[in-house]
Amino acid sequence: MQRFTEDSGAYEHWLALNQDQYVINAERSLNPDNLMLHRASCHTINGTPARGTTWVGSYVKVVGTRTELEHEHPTARACRHCL
């Protein structure tokens, strides 16, 4: 597992190399009530950010396998677009 909190470029690089992995999109506080699990290929957390110019900042990305992310963050909800 890896966490991206500041460097959107590093997150985008990870995405390019790991399209078969998973991403939790979360508030910086990692509020357990607001965690969303996505496939790395999901259009909502990949490509051009819908709001702003960066993927990280007010939100963080925790990345890895689905098993390890669900184990570490059991309250994460599945994205309705990709899972």
Protein backbone atom coordinates (compact mmCIF):
# COMPACT_ATOMS: atom_id res chain seq x y z
CA MET A 1 0.00 0.00 0.00
CA GLN A 2 1.07 3.53 -0.71
CA ARG A 3 -0.43 6.94 0.12
CA PHE A 4 -0.32 10.03 -2.09
CA THR A 5 -0.95 13.25 -0.18
CA GLU A 6 0.97 15.99 -2.01
CA ASP A 7 2.46 14.89 -5.32
CA SER A 8 -0.23 14.53 -7.98
CA GLY A 9 2.44 13.69 -10.58
CA ALA A 10 3.63 10.70 -8.56
CA TYR A 11 0.02 9.51 -8.21
CA GLU A 12 -0.55 9.85 -11.97
CA HIS A 13 2.69 7.93 -12.63
CA TRP A 14 1.55 5.15 -10.27
CA LEU A 15 -1.81 5.00 -12.09
CA ALA A 16 -0.11 4.63 -15.46
CA LEU A 17 1.84 1.62 -14.20
CA ASN A 18 -0.90 -0.02 -12.10
CA GLN A 19 -4.20 0.00 -13.97
CA ASP A 20 -5.01 -3.43 -12.49
CA GLN A 21 -4.79 -2.14 -8.90
CA TYR A 22 -7.20 -0.16 -6.67
CA VAL A 23 -7.46 3.32 -5.16
CA ILE A 24 -9.22 4.67 -2.09
CA ASN A 25 -10.15 8.31 -2.51
CA ALA A 26 -10.41 9.96 0.91
CA GLU A 27 -10.52 13.23 2.76
CA ARG A 28 -7.12 14.14 4.21
CA SER A 29 -8.38 13.07 7.64
CA LEU A 30 -9.14 9.55 6.28
CA ASN A 31 -12.64 9.93 7.72
CA PRO A 32 -13.86 6.29 7.79
CA ASP A 33 -17.36 7.44 6.80
CA ASN A 34 -16.13 8.98 3.55
CA LEU A 35 -13.82 6.46 1.85
CA MET A 36 -14.47 5.41 -1.74
CA LEU A 37 -12.82 2.36 -3.32
CA HIS A 38 -12.15 2.52 -7.08
CA ARG A 39 -10.39 0.49 -9.73
CA ALA A 40 -7.27 2.42 -10.77
CA SER A 41 -8.76 2.64 -14.26
CA CYS A 42 -11.93 4.45 -13.05
CA HIS A 43 -12.54 7.70 -14.93
CA THR A 44 -13.50 9.47 -11.68
CA ILE A 45 -9.96 9.22 -10.23
CA ASN A 46 -7.92 9.02 -13.44
CA GLY A 47 -7.15 11.28 -16.40
CA THR A 48 -7.90 15.01 -16.07
CA PRO A 49 -9.25 16.11 -12.66
CA ALA A 50 -12.88 17.26 -12.91
CA ARG A 51 -12.25 19.99 -10.33
CA GLY A 52 -9.01 21.89 -10.10
CA THR A 53 -5.66 20.87 -11.51
CA THR A 54 -4.52 18.16 -9.10
CA TRP A 55 -5.76 14.80 -7.86
CA VAL A 56 -4.31 15.19 -4.38
CA GLY A 57 -4.39 18.06 -1.93
CA SER A 58 -7.72 18.30 -0.15
CA TYR A 59 -8.14 14.59 -0.92
CA VAL A 60 -5.58 11.81 -0.64
CA LYS A 61 -5.21 8.57 -2.54
CA VAL A 62 -4.36 5.28 -0.85
CA VAL A 63 -3.38 2.69 -3.44
CA GLY A 64 -2.72 -1.04 -3.57
CA THR A 65 -4.49 -4.35 -4.03
CA ARG A 66 -8.19 -4.57 -3.31
CA THR A 67 -7.57 -7.11 -0.55
CA GLU A 68 -5.08 -4.97 1.36
CA LEU A 69 -7.13 -1.78 0.96
CA GLU A 70 -10.35 -3.45 2.15
CA HIS A 71 -8.48 -5.02 5.07
CA GLU A 72 -6.91 -1.70 6.14
CA HIS A 73 -10.04 0.40 5.44
CA PRO A 74 -13.10 -1.89 5.89
CA THR A 75 -15.56 1.03 5.76
CA ALA A 76 -14.61 1.98 2.19
CA ARG A 77 -17.61 1.92 -0.14
CA ALA A 78 -17.35 0.59 -3.68
CA CYS A 79 -17.55 3.14 -6.50
CA ARG A 80 -20.83 2.77 -8.38
CA HIS A 81 -19.07 3.56 -11.67
CA CYS A 82 -16.32 0.95 -11.66
CA LEU A 83 -17.07 -1.76 -9.09
